[in-house]
Every structure is written in structure tokens, then in C-alpha cells.
């Protein structure tokens, strides 16, 4: 489990399709929060190794924790694995 690390903080995820906002506590993943809120998301391994949950990011700085994206892809900040990666700042806007 990669969440709940001492350096983690809570942040907000905004879904571009609906404008809905979800608070992600420091001990939960984006996927966990969205599924618990009834949002349908694709997920499989929940560990950042399969790439199933890759999601386009429209706004916000990503704390990448996956093993799927290349360093270049991580640097561009255009997508993230929402099962394990988090926001570096206060919020992320996802194309979901």
C-alpha cells in the first residue's frame, strides 16, 4: 500500500465531466475515494504496475508513484495512475 505515508496530505480531485469534487484523505487512494462515491473507474492491480487506471490529468501537479509511465511521460504530467499516484498540491482535475 503506497498511501498513508507520513508525507502524504489530503487533496481534492475534480472530475472534468461533472465538475464534482472529491476529498482524498491522506490514507486513501483516488481510486478508493471515487469507487466509494459511486464513480465508475477502471482498475485492476491497485499497485501502479498494470496501467489499467491511467487517467488524463487536465490540471494540477502529480506525485507519480507508478511503475508504468516513462520518466518523460511523468515529466509531461498529462496522465497518472489513480490507484497509487497522488497530488503534490491542493487539487487535481481529471478528465473522467
PDB file of N, CA and C in Angstrom:
ATOM      1  N   UNK A   1       0.854  -1.191   0.000  1.00  0.00           N
ATOM      2  CA  UNK A   1       0.000   0.000   0.000  1.00  0.00           C
ATOM      3  C   UNK A   1       0.889   1.240   0.000  1.00  0.00           C
ATOM      4  N   UNK A   2       0.710   2.091  -0.984  1.00  0.00           N
ATOM      5  CA  UNK A   2       1.579   3.266  -1.107  1.00  0.00           C
ATOM      6  C   UNK A   2       0.949   4.515  -0.530  1.00  0.00           C
ATOM      7  N   UNK A   3      -0.228   4.418   0.033  1.00  0.00           N
ATOM      8  CA  UNK A   3      -0.874   5.598   0.608  1.00  0.00           C
ATOM      9  C   UNK A   3      -0.715   5.584   2.118  1.00  0.00           C
ATOM     10  N   UNK A   4      -0.923   6.737   2.721  1.00  0.00           N
ATOM     11  CA  UNK A   4      -0.814   6.830   4.161  1.00  0.00           C
ATOM     12  C   UNK A   4       0.606   7.055   4.640  1.00  0.00           C
ATOM     13  N   UNK A   5       1.523   7.403   3.722  1.00  0.00           N
ATOM     14  CA  UNK A   5       2.892   7.719   4.110  1.00  0.00           C
ATOM     15  C   UNK A   5       2.892   9.003   4.931  1.00  0.00           C
ATOM     16  N   UNK A   6       3.856   9.159   5.841  1.00  0.00           N
ATOM     17  CA  UNK A   6       3.884  10.351   6.693  1.00  0.00           C
ATOM     18  C   UNK A   6       3.860  11.669   5.924  1.00  0.00           C
ATOM     19  N   UNK A   7       4.440  11.703   4.738  1.00  0.00           N
ATOM     20  CA  UNK A   7       4.470  12.929   3.948  1.00  0.00           C
ATOM     21  C   UNK A   7       3.203  13.204   3.164  1.00  0.00           C
ATOM     22  N   UNK A   8       2.273  12.268   3.158  1.00  0.00           N
ATOM     23  CA  UNK A   8       1.044  12.441   2.380  1.00  0.00           C
ATOM     24  C   UNK A   8       0.146  13.512   2.987  1.00  0.00           C
ATOM     25  N   UNK A   9      -0.633  14.152   2.137  1.00  0.00           N
ATOM     26  CA  UNK A   9      -1.603  15.145   2.595  1.00  0.00           C
ATOM     27  C   UNK A   9      -2.912  14.915   1.853  1.00  0.00           C
ATOM     28  N   UNK A  10      -4.002  15.460   2.404  1.00  0.00           N
ATOM     29  CA  UNK A  10      -5.273  15.336   1.695  1.00  0.00           C
ATOM     30  C   UNK A  10      -5.311  16.363   0.582  1.00  0.00           C
ATOM     31  N   UNK A  11      -6.072  16.044  -0.445  1.00  0.00           N
ATOM     32  CA  UNK A  11      -6.216  16.935  -1.591  1.00  0.00           C
ATOM     33  C   UNK A  11      -7.570  16.694  -2.237  1.00  0.00           C
ATOM     34  N   UNK A  12      -7.933  17.577  -3.150  1.00  0.00           N
ATOM     35  CA  UNK A  12      -9.219  17.490  -3.829  1.00  0.00           C
ATOM     36  C   UNK A  12      -9.018  17.033  -5.267  1.00  0.00           C
ATOM     37  N   UNK A  13      -9.898  16.145  -5.711  1.00  0.00           N
ATOM     38  CA  UNK A  13      -9.929  15.719  -7.102  1.00  0.00           C
ATOM     39  C   UNK A  13     -11.215  16.262  -7.711  1.00  0.00           C
ATOM     40  N   UNK A  14     -11.085  16.926  -8.847  1.00  0.00           N
ATOM     41  CA  UNK A  14     -12.234  17.451  -9.582  1.00  0.00           C
ATOM     42  C   UNK A  14     -12.374  16.634 -10.862  1.00  0.00           C
ATOM     43  N   UNK A  15     -13.595  16.156 -11.135  1.00  0.00           N
ATOM     44  CA  UNK A  15     -13.852  15.428 -12.377  1.00  0.00           C
ATOM     45  C   UNK A  15     -14.350  16.426 -13.417  1.00  0.00           C
ATOM     46  N   UNK A  16     -13.622  16.540 -14.517  1.00  0.00           N
ATOM     47  CA  UNK A  16     -13.956  17.499 -15.551  1.00  0.00           C
ATOM     48  C   UNK A  16     -15.348  17.264 -16.135  1.00  0.00           C
ATOM     49  N   UNK A  17     -15.755  16.006 -16.261  1.00  0.00           N
ATOM     50  CA  UNK A  17     -17.027  15.679 -16.912  1.00  0.00           C
ATOM     51  C   UNK A  17     -18.243  16.173 -16.134  1.00  0.00           C
ATOM     52  N   UNK A  18     -18.127  16.202 -14.795  1.00  0.00           N
ATOM     53  CA  UNK A  18     -19.283  16.573 -13.976  1.00  0.00           C
ATOM     54  C   UNK A  18     -19.038  17.806 -13.113  1.00  0.00           C
ATOM     55  N   UNK A  19     -17.775  18.168 -12.905  1.00  0.00           N
ATOM     56  CA  UNK A  19     -17.439  19.266 -12.006  1.00  0.00           C
ATOM     57  C   UNK A  19     -17.470  18.848 -10.550  1.00  0.00           C
ATOM     58  N   UNK A  20     -17.792  17.585 -10.293  1.00  0.00           N
ATOM     59  CA  UNK A  20     -17.858  17.085  -8.917  1.00  0.00           C
ATOM     60  C   UNK A  20     -16.474  17.084  -8.288  1.00  0.00           C
ATOM     61  N   UNK A  21     -16.424  17.405  -6.997  1.00  0.00           N
ATOM     62  CA  UNK A  21     -15.173  17.430  -6.256  1.00  0.00           C
ATOM     63  C   UNK A  21     -15.191  16.354  -5.184  1.00  0.00           C
ATOM     64  N   UNK A  22     -14.049  15.708  -5.004  1.00  0.00           N
ATOM     65  CA  UNK A  22     -13.921  14.638  -4.020  1.00  0.00           C
ATOM     66  C   UNK A  22     -12.679  14.884  -3.182  1.00  0.00           C
ATOM     67  N   UNK A  23     -12.827  14.805  -1.869  1.00  0.00           N
ATOM     68  CA  UNK A  23     -11.697  14.964  -0.960  1.00  0.00           C
ATOM     69  C   UNK A  23     -11.005  13.618  -0.798  1.00  0.00           C
ATOM     70  N   UNK A  24      -9.715  13.587  -1.092  1.00  0.00           N
ATOM     71  CA  UNK A  24      -8.928  12.363  -0.947  1.00  0.00           C
ATOM     72  C   UNK A  24      -8.091  12.493   0.328  1.00  0.00           C
ATOM     73  N   UNK A  25      -8.451  11.737   1.377  1.00  0.00           N
ATOM     74  CA  UNK A  25      -7.675  11.817   2.610  1.00  0.00           C
ATOM     75  C   UNK A  25      -6.277  11.236   2.418  1.00  0.00           C
ATOM     76  N   UNK A  26      -5.388  11.524   3.341  1.00  0.00           N
ATOM     77  CA  UNK A  26      -4.014  11.079   3.166  1.00  0.00           C
ATOM     78  C   UNK A  26      -3.855   9.562   3.196  1.00  0.00           C
ATOM     79  N   UNK A  27      -4.841   8.849   3.745  1.00  0.00           N
ATOM     80  CA  UNK A  27      -4.717   7.395   3.844  1.00  0.00           C
ATOM     81  C   UNK A  27      -5.573   6.631   2.831  1.00  0.00           C
ATOM     82  N   UNK A  28      -6.093   7.324   1.818  1.00  0.00           N
ATOM     83  CA  UNK A  28      -6.890   6.676   0.770  1.00  0.00           C
ATOM     84  C   UNK A  28      -6.348   7.061  -0.598  1.00  0.00           C
ATOM     85  N   UNK A  29      -6.567   6.189  -1.580  1.00  0.00           N
ATOM     86  CA  UNK A  29      -6.160   6.498  -2.953  1.00  0.00           C
ATOM     87  C   UNK A  29      -7.315   7.189  -3.685  1.00  0.00           C
ATOM     88  N   UNK A  30      -6.992   7.795  -4.807  1.00  0.00           N
ATOM     89  CA  UNK A  30      -8.033   8.428  -5.637  1.00  0.00           C
ATOM     90  C   UNK A  30      -9.061   7.371  -6.048  1.00  0.00           C
ATOM     91  N   UNK A  31      -8.590   6.203  -6.482  1.00  0.00           N
ATOM     92  CA  UNK A  31      -9.497   5.127  -6.892  1.00  0.00           C
ATOM     93  C   UNK A  31     -10.438   4.740  -5.754  1.00  0.00           C
ATOM     94  N   UNK A  32      -9.901   4.576  -4.552  1.00  0.00           N
ATOM     95  CA  UNK A  32     -10.733   4.187  -3.403  1.00  0.00           C
ATOM     96  C   UNK A  32     -11.835   5.215  -3.152  1.00  0.00           C
ATOM     97  N   UNK A  33     -11.486   6.495  -3.199  1.00  0.00           N
ATOM     98  CA  UNK A  33     -12.464   7.556  -2.948  1.00  0.00           C
ATOM     99  C   UNK A  33     -13.527   7.595  -4.043  1.00  0.00           C
ATOM    100  N   UNK A  34     -13.107   7.505  -5.293  1.00  0.00           N
ATOM    101  CA  UNK A  34     -14.067   7.571  -6.402  1.00  0.00           C
ATOM    102  C   UNK A  34     -15.025   6.382  -6.393  1.00  0.00           C
ATOM    103  N   UNK A  35     -14.500   5.187  -6.197  1.00  0.00           N
ATOM    104  CA  UNK A  35     -15.362   3.996  -6.171  1.00  0.00           C
ATOM    105  C   UNK A  35     -16.339   4.080  -5.000  1.00  0.00           C
ATOM    106  N   UNK A  36     -15.865   4.503  -3.836  1.00  0.00           N
ATOM    107  CA  UNK A  36     -16.739   4.639  -2.665  1.00  0.00           C
ATOM    108  C   UNK A  36     -17.832   5.679  -2.905  1.00  0.00           C
ATOM    109  N   UNK A  37     -17.576   6.620  -3.819  1.00  0.00           N
ATOM    110  CA  UNK A  37     -18.555   7.669  -4.129  1.00  0.00           C
ATOM    111  C   UNK A  37     -19.443   7.298  -5.314  1.00  0.00           C
ATOM    112  N   UNK A  38     -19.289   6.080  -5.826  1.00  0.00           N
ATOM    113  CA  UNK A  38     -20.137   5.606  -6.909  1.00  0.00           C
ATOM    114  C   UNK A  38     -19.654   5.963  -8.306  1.00  0.00           C
ATOM    115  N   UNK A  39     -18.420   6.442  -8.414  1.00  0.00           N
ATOM    116  CA  UNK A  39     -17.867   6.775  -9.727  1.00  0.00           C
ATOM    117  C   UNK A  39     -17.263   5.509 -10.321  1.00  0.00           C
ATOM    118  N   UNK A  40     -17.601   5.232 -11.585  1.00  0.00           N
ATOM    119  CA  UNK A  40     -17.072   4.043 -12.252  1.00  0.00           C
ATOM    120  C   UNK A  40     -15.677   4.343 -12.790  1.00  0.00           C
ATOM    121  N   UNK A  41     -14.697   3.586 -12.310  1.00  0.00           N
ATOM    122  CA  UNK A  41     -13.327   3.729 -12.795  1.00  0.00           C
ATOM    123  C   UNK A  41     -12.763   2.347 -13.100  1.00  0.00           C
ATOM    124  N   UNK A  42     -11.895   2.291 -14.081  1.00  0.00           N
ATOM    125  CA  UNK A  42     -11.227   1.044 -14.425  1.00  0.00           C
ATOM    126  C   UNK A  42     -10.015   0.888 -13.517  1.00  0.00           C
ATOM    127  N   UNK A  43      -9.910  -0.257 -12.866  1.00  0.00           N
ATOM    128  CA  UNK A  43      -8.756  -0.531 -12.020  1.00  0.00           C
ATOM    129  C   UNK A  43      -8.536  -2.035 -11.980  1.00  0.00           C
ATOM    130  N   UNK A  44      -7.306  -2.429 -11.739  1.00  0.00           N
ATOM    131  CA  UNK A  44      -7.012  -3.849 -11.681  1.00  0.00           C
ATOM    132  C   UNK A  44      -6.046  -4.165 -10.542  1.00  0.00           C
ATOM    133  N   UNK A  45      -4.778  -3.806 -10.697  1.00  0.00           N
ATOM    134  CA  UNK A  45      -3.776  -4.224  -9.709  1.00  0.00           C
ATOM    135  C   UNK A  45      -3.778  -3.389  -8.433  1.00  0.00           C
ATOM    136  N   UNK A  46      -4.174  -2.112  -8.529  1.00  0.00           N
ATOM    137  CA  UNK A  46      -4.186  -1.172  -7.396  1.00  0.00           C
ATOM    138  C   UNK A  46      -2.793  -0.916  -6.829  1.00  0.00           C
ATOM    139  N   UNK A  47      -1.755  -1.224  -7.600  1.00  0.00           N
ATOM    140  CA  UNK A  47      -0.384  -1.034  -7.126  1.00  0.00           C
ATOM    141  C   UNK A  47       0.483  -0.234  -8.095  1.00  0.00           C
ATOM    142  N   UNK A  48      -0.087   0.237  -9.202  1.00  0.00           N
ATOM    143  CA  UNK A  48       0.682   1.044 -10.140  1.00  0.00           C
ATOM    144  C   UNK A  48       1.581   0.275 -11.074  1.00  0.00           C
ATOM    145  N   UNK A  49       1.234  -0.984 -11.337  1.00  0.00           N
ATOM    146  CA  UNK A  49       2.070  -1.777 -12.245  1.00  0.00           C
ATOM    147  C   UNK A  49       1.374  -2.207 -13.535  1.00  0.00           C
ATOM    148  N   UNK A  50       0.045  -2.148 -13.599  1.00  0.00           N
ATOM    149  CA  UNK A  50      -0.644  -2.673 -14.788  1.00  0.00           C
ATOM    150  C   UNK A  50      -1.057  -1.602 -15.787  1.00  0.00           C
ATOM    151  N   UNK A  51      -1.316  -0.386 -15.333  1.00  0.00           N
ATOM    152  CA  UNK A  51      -1.706   0.691 -16.240  1.00  0.00           C
ATOM    153  C   UNK A  51      -3.189   0.797 -16.527  1.00  0.00           C
ATOM    154  N   UNK A  52      -4.012  -0.070 -15.958  1.00  0.00           N
ATOM    155  CA  UNK A  52      -5.449  -0.069 -16.228  1.00  0.00           C
ATOM    156  C   UNK A  52      -6.124   1.251 -15.855  1.00  0.00           C
ATOM    157  N   UNK A  53      -5.694   1.852 -14.758  1.00  0.00           N
ATOM    158  CA  UNK A  53      -6.376   3.048 -14.250  1.00  0.00           C
ATOM    159  C   UNK A  53      -5.784   4.356 -14.778  1.00  0.00           C
ATOM    160  N   UNK A  54      -4.941   4.285 -15.802  1.00  0.00           N
ATOM    161  CA  UNK A  54      -4.329   5.511 -16.324  1.00  0.00           C
ATOM    162  C   UNK A  54      -5.417   6.523 -16.687  1.00  0.00           C
ATOM    163  N   UNK A  55      -5.266   7.733 -16.190  1.00  0.00           N
ATOM    164  CA  UNK A  55      -6.269   8.778 -16.345  1.00  0.00           C
ATOM    165  C   UNK A  55      -5.597  10.063 -16.783  1.00  0.00           C
ATOM    166  N   UNK A  56      -6.221  10.757 -17.724  1.00  0.00           N
ATOM    167  CA  UNK A  56      -5.694  12.029 -18.202  1.00  0.00           C
ATOM    168  C   UNK A  56      -5.871  13.099 -17.123  1.00  0.00           C
ATOM    169  N   UNK A  57      -4.817  13.899 -16.932  1.00  0.00           N
ATOM    170  CA  UNK A  57      -4.841  14.977 -15.943  1.00  0.00           C
ATOM    171  C   UNK A  57      -4.895  16.310 -16.678  1.00  0.00           C
ATOM    172  N   UNK A  58      -5.887  17.129 -16.363  1.00  0.00           N
ATOM    173  CA  UNK A  58      -6.064  18.414 -17.029  1.00  0.00           C
ATOM    174  C   UNK A  58      -5.419  19.563 -16.265  1.00  0.00           C
ATOM    175  N   UNK A  59      -5.305  19.405 -14.943  1.00  0.00           N
ATOM    176  CA  UNK A  59      -4.743  20.478 -14.130  1.00  0.00           C
ATOM    177  C   UNK A  59      -4.212  19.907 -12.824  1.00  0.00           C
ATOM    178  N   UNK A  60      -3.101  20.446 -12.357  1.00  0.00           N
ATOM    179  CA  UNK A  60      -2.530  20.040 -11.083  1.00  0.00           C
ATOM    180  C   UNK A  60      -1.208  19.324 -11.257  1.00  0.00           C
ATOM    181  N   UNK A  61      -0.417  19.326 -10.187  1.00  0.00           N
ATOM    182  CA  UNK A  61       0.895  18.686 -10.199  1.00  0.00           C
ATOM    183  C   UNK A  61       0.790  17.301  -9.573  1.00  0.00           C
ATOM    184  N   UNK A  62       1.342  16.311 -10.265  1.00  0.00           N
ATOM    185  CA  UNK A  62       1.190  14.901  -9.890  1.00  0.00           C
ATOM    186  C   UNK A  62       2.394  14.389  -9.123  1.00  0.00           C
ATOM    187  N   UNK A  63       2.130  13.631  -8.070  1.00  0.00           N
ATOM    188  CA  UNK A  63       3.158  12.888  -7.350  1.00  0.00           C
ATOM    189  C   UNK A  63       3.087  11.459  -7.892  1.00  0.00           C
ATOM    190  N   UNK A  64       3.883  11.186  -8.933  1.00  0.00           N
ATOM    191  CA  UNK A  64       3.835   9.871  -9.595  1.00  0.00           C
ATOM    192  C   UNK A  64       4.447   8.792  -8.706  1.00  0.00           C
ATOM    193  N   UNK A  65       3.705   7.692  -8.546  1.00  0.00           N
ATOM    194  CA  UNK A  65       4.185   6.561  -7.746  1.00  0.00           C
ATOM    195  C   UNK A  65       4.034   5.233  -8.483  1.00  0.00           C
ATOM    196  N   UNK A  66       3.761   5.298  -9.773  1.00  0.00           N
ATOM    197  CA  UNK A  66       3.555   4.084 -10.551  1.00  0.00           C
ATOM    198  C   UNK A  66       4.864   3.585 -11.150  1.00  0.00           C
ATOM    199  N   UNK A  67       4.792   2.407 -11.742  1.00  0.00           N
ATOM    200  CA  UNK A  67       5.929   1.823 -12.444  1.00  0.00           C
ATOM    201  C   UNK A  67       5.589   1.599 -13.911  1.00  0.00           C
ATOM    202  N   UNK A  68       4.619   2.343 -14.431  1.00  0.00           N
ATOM    203  CA  UNK A  68       4.157   2.168 -15.806  1.00  0.00           C
ATOM    204  C   UNK A  68       4.669   3.281 -16.718  1.00  0.00           C
ATOM    205  N   UNK A  69       4.461   4.522 -16.307  1.00  0.00           N
ATOM    206  CA  UNK A  69       4.832   5.656 -17.149  1.00  0.00           C
ATOM    207  C   UNK A  69       6.343   5.830 -17.213  1.00  0.00           C
ATOM    208  N   UNK A  70       6.821   6.266 -18.360  1.00  0.00           N
ATOM    209  CA  UNK A  70       8.245   6.566 -18.508  1.00  0.00           C
ATOM    210  C   UNK A  70       8.553   7.879 -17.788  1.00  0.00           C
ATOM    211  N   UNK A  71       9.823   8.155 -17.565  1.00  0.00           N
ATOM    212  CA  UNK A  71      10.213   9.423 -16.928  1.00  0.00           C
ATOM    213  C   UNK A  71       9.707  10.602 -17.748  1.00  0.00           C
ATOM    214  N   UNK A  72       9.778  10.476 -19.075  1.00  0.00           N
ATOM    215  CA  UNK A  72       9.293  11.559 -19.944  1.00  0.00           C
ATOM    216  C   UNK A  72       7.792  11.769 -19.745  1.00  0.00           C
ATOM    217  N   UNK A  73       7.033  10.670 -19.741  1.00  0.00           N
ATOM    218  CA  UNK A  73       5.582  10.776 -19.556  1.00  0.00           C
ATOM    219  C   UNK A  73       5.242  11.391 -18.199  1.00  0.00           C
ATOM    220  N   UNK A  74       5.994  11.029 -17.182  1.00  0.00           N
ATOM    221  CA  UNK A  74       5.766  11.610 -15.859  1.00  0.00           C
ATOM    222  C   UNK A  74       6.062  13.103 -15.873  1.00  0.00           C
ATOM    223  N   UNK A  75       7.119  13.481 -16.560  1.00  0.00           N
ATOM    224  CA  UNK A  75       7.514  14.892 -16.610  1.00  0.00           C
ATOM    225  C   UNK A  75       6.466  15.736 -17.332  1.00  0.00           C
ATOM    226  N   UNK A  76       5.821  15.196 -18.364  1.00  0.00           N
ATOM    227  CA  UNK A  76       4.817  15.964 -19.104  1.00  0.00           C
ATOM    228  C   UNK A  76       3.553  16.188 -18.279  1.00  0.00           C
ATOM    229  N   UNK A  77       3.287  15.304 -17.318  1.00  0.00           N
ATOM    230  CA  UNK A  77       2.148  15.487 -16.410  1.00  0.00           C
ATOM    231  C   UNK A  77       0.796  15.395 -17.074  1.00  0.00           C
ATOM    232  N   UNK A  78       0.705  14.634 -18.156  1.00  0.00           N
ATOM    233  CA  UNK A  78      -0.574  14.554 -18.875  1.00  0.00           C
ATOM    234  C   UNK A  78      -1.479  13.422 -18.396  1.00  0.00           C
ATOM    235  N   UNK A  79      -0.901  12.439 -17.710  1.00  0.00           N
ATOM    236  CA  UNK A  79      -1.728  11.348 -17.188  1.00  0.00           C
ATOM    237  C   UNK A  79      -1.077  10.773 -15.937  1.00  0.00           C
ATOM    238  N   UNK A  80      -1.877   9.984 -15.217  1.00  0.00           N
ATOM    239  CA  UNK A  80      -1.405   9.379 -13.972  1.00  0.00           C
ATOM    240  C   UNK A  80      -2.148   8.084 -13.705  1.00  0.00           C
ATOM    241  N   UNK A  81      -1.588   7.261 -12.838  1.00  0.00           N
ATOM    242  CA  UNK A  81      -2.256   6.058 -12.371  1.00  0.00           C
ATOM    243  C   UNK A  81      -2.954   6.437 -11.061  1.00  0.00           C
ATOM    244  N   UNK A  82      -4.279   6.490 -11.100  1.00  0.00           N
ATOM    245  CA  UNK A  82      -5.032   6.999  -9.946  1.00  0.00           C
ATOM    246  C   UNK A  82      -5.151   5.992  -8.802  1.00  0.00           C
ATOM    247  N   UNK A  83      -4.594   4.785  -8.985  1.00  0.00           N
ATOM    248  CA  UNK A  83      -4.620   3.806  -7.895  1.00  0.00           C
ATOM    249  C   UNK A  83      -3.549   4.071  -6.859  1.00  0.00           C
ATOM    250  N   UNK A  84      -2.466   4.747  -7.269  1.00  0.00           N
ATOM    251  CA  UNK A  84      -1.348   4.911  -6.329  1.00  0.00           C
ATOM    252  C   UNK A  84      -0.752   6.313  -6.326  1.00  0.00           C
ATOM    253  N   UNK A  85      -0.819   7.024  -7.436  1.00  0.00           N
ATOM    254  CA  UNK A  85      -0.235   8.361  -7.500  1.00  0.00           C
ATOM    255  C   UNK A  85      -1.148   9.374  -6.835  1.00  0.00           C
ATOM    256  N   UNK A  86      -0.569  10.495  -6.428  1.00  0.00           N
ATOM    257  CA  UNK A  86      -1.301  11.491  -5.659  1.00  0.00           C
ATOM    258  C   UNK A  86      -1.028  12.885  -6.198  1.00  0.00           C
ATOM    259  N   UNK A  87      -1.645  13.883  -5.575  1.00  0.00           N
ATOM    260  CA  UNK A  87      -1.401  15.278  -5.941  1.00  0.00           C
ATOM    261  C   UNK A  87      -0.248  15.824  -5.104  1.00  0.00           C
ATOM    262  N   UNK A  88       0.617  16.610  -5.739  1.00  0.00           N
ATOM    263  CA  UNK A  88       1.667  17.299  -4.978  1.00  0.00           C
ATOM    264  C   UNK A  88       1.085  18.533  -4.301  1.00  0.00           C
ATOM    265  N   UNK A  89       0.071  19.124  -4.928  1.00  0.00           N
ATOM    266  CA  UNK A  89      -0.538  20.328  -4.404  1.00  0.00           C
ATOM    267  C   UNK A  89      -1.888  20.066  -3.776  1.00  0.00           C
ATOM    268  N   UNK A  90      -2.759  21.082  -3.856  1.00  0.00           N
ATOM    269  CA  UNK A  90      -4.071  21.025  -3.200  1.00  0.00           C
ATOM    270  C   UNK A  90      -5.131  20.312  -4.023  1.00  0.00           C
ATOM    271  N   UNK A  91      -4.951  20.238  -5.362  1.00  0.00           N
ATOM    272  CA  UNK A  91      -6.004  19.613  -6.170  1.00  0.00           C
ATOM    273  C   UNK A  91      -5.476  19.116  -7.511  1.00  0.00           C
ATOM    274  N   UNK A  92      -6.261  18.221  -8.098  1.00  0.00           N
ATOM    275  CA  UNK A  92      -6.042  17.712  -9.452  1.00  0.00           C
ATOM    276  C   UNK A  92      -7.368  17.750 -10.181  1.00  0.00           C
ATOM    277  N   UNK A  93      -7.340  18.100 -11.451  1.00  0.00           N
ATOM    278  CA  UNK A  93      -8.535  17.985 -12.285  1.00  0.00           C
ATOM    279  C   UNK A  93      -8.293  16.836 -13.266  1.00  0.00           C
ATOM    280  N   UNK A  94      -9.190  15.847 -13.217  1.00  0.00           N
ATOM    281  CA  UNK A  94      -9.052  14.658 -14.047  1.00  0.00           C
ATOM    282  C   UNK A  94     -10.074  14.659 -15.166  1.00  0.00           C
ATOM    283  N   UNK A  95      -9.673  14.136 -16.313  1.00  0.00           N
ATOM    284  CA  UNK A  95     -10.573  14.010 -17.464  1.00  0.00           C
ATOM    285  C   UNK A  95     -11.305  12.680 -17.322  1.00  0.00           C
ATOM    286  N   UNK A  96     -12.297  12.666 -16.448  1.00  0.00           N
ATOM    287  CA  UNK A  96     -13.034  11.448 -16.149  1.00  0.00           C
ATOM    288  C   UNK A  96     -14.524  11.720 -16.178  1.00  0.00           C
TER     289      UNK A  96
END
